[in-house]
Amino acid sequence: MQQPLNEKTLTEAARSIADGRVSSEELVRDCIARIREREETVGAWIHQDEDQVLEQACTCDAGPVQGPLHGIPVGIKDILDTCDMPTTYGSPIYDGPRPAADAACVALLKRAGAVILGKTVTTEFAWRKPGKTTNPHDPAYTPGGSSSGSAAAVADFMVPLAIGSQTGGSVIRPASFCGVVGFKPTYGQLSMAG
């Protein structure tokens, strides 16, 4: 039996798209199918626009490879600004508004060819009340926080890559709890704008 596309590692998926063995649309459709299947249990997502992400994937497929993440679906923690999706910071206070610009790291992802699949759940303001996300390995357990939705989405094969943020363990804790790799770059290496 062939491995589902959404279960490929980031490296495998990127290589498959770059080599033309898999289209971004195929990968995105498999990720969407997995989200539909598991989101009710895992609760990793706060916002998705399937039509928008499929349009992005088809645009990637129609053109030349734009970068190392060309066509790769990525989840973005809902603490980071995205100009084409709402940013709520995990709080009902900010329900609905869309920032005027992408966070610096989101802009870098887009320049590298990534397809932004949606916004992942965060604890409120990345430090307060936990969100709806459960641990994908056992819903009775916490996924950790504050980048809970991002870690759970990767661990549950909803996306091969998701972005979080960290001040005091908000990437490494959920990554550890969910059994995935969490990478925190050296402070100051990436702009924190947005």
Protein backbone atom coordinates (compact mmCIF):
# COMPACT_ATOMS: atom_id res chain seq x y z
CA MET A 1 0.00 0.00 0.00
CA GLN A 2 1.32 3.43 -0.96
CA GLN A 3 2.04 5.98 1.77
CA PRO A 4 -0.60 8.75 1.84
CA LEU A 5 0.90 12.03 0.62
CA ASN A 6 0.04 13.84 3.85
CA GLU A 7 2.23 11.36 5.77
CA LYS A 8 5.37 12.35 3.88
CA THR A 9 7.98 14.24 5.85
CA LEU A 10 8.65 17.84 4.88
CA THR A 11 11.80 16.78 3.03
CA GLU A 12 10.04 13.95 1.18
CA ALA A 13 7.12 16.17 0.20
CA ALA A 14 9.35 19.03 -1.00
CA ARG A 15 11.50 16.65 -3.03
CA SER A 16 8.44 14.96 -4.57
CA ILE A 17 6.96 18.30 -5.65
CA ALA A 18 10.29 19.63 -6.98
CA ASP A 19 10.82 16.41 -8.97
CA GLY A 20 7.29 16.56 -10.40
CA ARG A 21 6.23 13.22 -8.89
CA VAL A 22 3.53 14.90 -6.80
CA SER A 23 1.61 18.12 -7.34
CA SER A 24 1.01 20.67 -4.64
CA GLU A 25 -2.72 20.30 -5.27
CA GLU A 26 -2.55 16.54 -4.60
CA LEU A 27 -0.65 17.08 -1.35
CA VAL A 28 -2.97 19.87 -0.22
CA ARG A 29 -6.05 17.77 -0.99
CA ASP A 30 -4.66 14.89 1.11
CA CYS A 31 -3.93 17.31 3.97
CA ILE A 32 -7.46 18.74 3.75
CA ALA A 33 -8.91 15.22 3.78
CA ARG A 34 -6.92 14.41 6.91
CA ILE A 35 -8.10 17.61 8.59
CA ARG A 36 -11.72 16.79 7.75
CA GLU A 37 -11.23 13.31 9.19
CA ARG A 38 -9.50 14.31 12.44
CA GLU A 39 -10.19 17.98 13.24
CA GLU A 40 -13.20 17.24 15.44
CA THR A 41 -10.96 15.15 17.71
CA VAL A 42 -7.68 17.09 17.51
CA GLY A 43 -8.94 20.68 17.19
CA ALA A 44 -5.72 22.03 15.69
CA TRP A 45 -7.20 24.72 13.43
CA ILE A 46 -8.87 28.07 14.07
CA HIS A 47 -9.16 29.19 10.42
CA GLN A 48 -8.97 27.54 7.02
CA ASP A 49 -10.15 28.54 3.57
CA GLU A 50 -10.05 25.43 1.38
CA ASP A 51 -10.79 27.32 -1.83
CA GLN A 52 -8.02 29.82 -1.14
CA VAL A 53 -5.42 27.16 -0.33
CA LEU A 54 -6.35 25.04 -3.37
CA GLU A 55 -6.01 28.14 -5.55
CA GLN A 56 -2.53 28.76 -4.08
CA ALA A 57 -1.58 25.12 -4.73
CA CYS A 58 -2.76 25.26 -8.35
CA THR A 59 -0.79 28.48 -8.87
CA CYS A 60 2.32 26.70 -7.57
CA ASP A 61 1.70 23.76 -9.89
CA ALA A 62 1.28 26.03 -12.92
CA GLY A 63 4.62 27.79 -12.49
CA PRO A 64 8.28 27.00 -11.96
CA VAL A 65 9.63 25.98 -8.55
CA GLN A 66 9.89 29.18 -6.49
CA GLY A 67 11.93 27.99 -3.53
CA PRO A 68 12.70 25.15 -1.13
CA LEU A 69 9.12 25.08 0.22
CA HIS A 70 7.44 25.32 -3.19
CA GLY A 71 3.90 23.97 -2.92
CA ILE A 72 4.25 22.78 0.68
CA PRO A 73 1.16 23.36 2.85
CA VAL A 74 2.03 25.10 6.12
CA GLY A 75 0.05 25.89 9.26
CA ILE A 76 0.59 29.28 10.92
CA LYS A 77 0.09 29.83 14.66
CA ASP A 78 -2.77 32.26 15.24
CA ILE A 79 -0.46 34.70 17.01
CA LEU A 80 1.32 35.56 13.73
CA ASP A 81 -0.18 38.05 11.28
CA THR A 82 -1.48 36.89 7.91
CA CYS A 83 -2.93 39.50 5.57
CA ASP A 84 -5.26 37.05 3.84
CA MET A 85 -6.62 35.33 6.97
CA PRO A 86 -7.88 36.60 10.32
CA THR A 87 -5.49 36.74 13.27
CA THR A 88 -7.28 36.36 16.61
CA TYR A 89 -4.35 35.72 18.99
CA GLY A 90 -6.46 32.89 20.43
CA SER A 91 -8.92 35.42 21.88
CA PRO A 92 -12.55 36.23 21.05
CA ILE A 93 -11.66 39.91 21.47
CA TYR A 94 -9.95 39.88 18.05
CA ASP A 95 -12.44 37.71 16.15
CA GLY A 96 -12.49 38.69 12.49
CA PRO A 97 -9.98 41.44 11.69
CA ARG A 98 -7.31 40.83 9.09
CA PRO A 99 -3.90 42.43 9.50
CA ALA A 100 -2.65 44.76 6.78
CA ALA A 101 0.56 42.77 6.27
CA ASP A 102 2.04 39.33 6.86
CA ALA A 103 4.37 38.68 9.78
CA ALA A 104 8.00 38.66 8.64
CA CYS A 105 8.25 34.86 9.00
CA VAL A 106 5.03 34.35 6.99
CA ALA A 107 6.38 36.59 4.22
CA LEU A 108 9.58 34.50 4.18
CA LEU A 109 7.55 31.28 3.93
CA LYS A 110 5.58 32.66 0.98
CA ARG A 111 8.78 33.78 -0.77
CA ALA A 112 10.11 30.23 -0.28
CA GLY A 113 7.03 28.94 -2.13
CA ALA A 114 4.93 27.71 0.81
CA VAL A 115 1.15 27.43 0.60
CA ILE A 116 -0.48 28.78 3.76
CA LEU A 117 -3.12 26.17 4.64
CA GLY A 118 -4.58 28.00 7.63
CA LYS A 119 -4.16 29.27 11.17
CA THR A 120 -3.49 26.88 14.03
CA VAL A 121 -4.85 27.15 17.56
CA THR A 122 -2.81 28.94 20.23
CA THR A 123 -3.44 29.49 23.90
CA GLU A 124 -5.02 32.91 24.41
CA PHE A 125 -2.37 35.56 23.67
CA ALA A 126 0.16 32.68 23.60
CA TRP A 127 0.22 32.42 27.39
CA ARG A 128 -3.21 32.29 28.97
CA LYS A 129 -6.23 30.04 28.60
CA PRO A 130 -5.60 26.82 26.62
CA GLY A 131 -7.33 26.40 23.28
CA LYS A 132 -9.47 23.50 22.07
CA THR A 133 -6.54 21.37 20.85
CA THR A 134 -5.99 17.86 22.21
CA ASN A 135 -2.96 15.61 21.94
CA PRO A 136 -3.37 13.66 18.67
CA HIS A 137 -1.94 10.50 20.26
CA ASP A 138 -4.47 10.52 23.11
CA PRO A 139 -7.20 13.18 23.33
CA ALA A 140 -7.25 12.81 27.13
CA TYR A 141 -3.82 14.46 27.26
CA THR A 142 -2.67 18.00 26.60
CA PRO A 143 -0.68 18.88 23.49
CA GLY A 144 1.25 21.49 25.49
CA GLY A 145 1.27 25.16 24.68
CA SER A 146 1.26 27.72 23.44
CA SER A 147 1.94 26.45 19.89
CA SER A 148 -0.46 23.58 20.55
CA GLY A 149 -2.31 23.60 17.23
CA SER A 150 0.90 23.72 15.19
CA ALA A 151 2.49 20.75 16.98
CA ALA A 152 -0.71 18.71 16.94
CA ALA A 153 -1.32 19.40 13.23
CA VAL A 154 2.14 18.11 12.28
CA ALA A 155 1.93 15.13 14.65
CA ASP A 156 -1.44 14.14 13.17
CA PHE A 157 -0.22 14.38 9.53
CA MET A 158 -2.46 17.36 8.76
CA VAL A 159 0.53 19.31 7.41
CA PRO A 160 4.23 18.54 7.02
CA LEU A 161 5.22 21.91 8.54
CA ALA A 162 3.68 24.40 10.94
CA ILE A 163 5.03 27.58 12.48
CA GLY A 164 4.83 28.45 16.16
CA SER A 165 6.40 31.06 18.40
CA GLN A 166 8.31 30.80 21.65
CA THR A 167 9.24 32.96 24.60
CA GLY A 168 9.44 30.35 27.35
CA GLY A 169 8.95 26.90 25.82
CA SER A 170 5.96 27.47 23.52
CA VAL A 171 7.49 25.55 20.60
CA ILE A 172 9.61 22.91 22.32
CA ARG A 173 6.99 21.90 24.90
CA PRO A 174 4.15 21.07 22.45
CA ALA A 175 6.62 19.48 20.04
CA SER A 176 7.82 17.23 22.85
CA PHE A 177 4.31 16.42 24.07
CA CYS A 178 3.16 15.57 20.52
CA GLY A 179 6.29 13.69 19.45
CA VAL A 180 7.51 15.98 16.66
CA VAL A 181 10.55 18.18 16.12
CA GLY A 182 10.31 21.76 17.34
CA PHE A 183 13.02 24.16 16.22
CA LYS A 184 13.68 27.49 17.93
CA PRO A 185 16.21 29.58 16.03
CA THR A 186 18.72 31.73 17.86
CA TYR A 187 17.12 34.90 19.19
CA GLY A 188 17.49 37.74 16.71
CA GLN A 189 18.05 35.55 13.64
CA LEU A 190 14.48 36.14 12.41
CA SER A 191 12.49 39.33 12.59
CA MET A 192 9.70 39.20 15.17
CA ALA A 193 7.62 41.76 13.24
CA GLY A 194 3.97 40.73 13.00
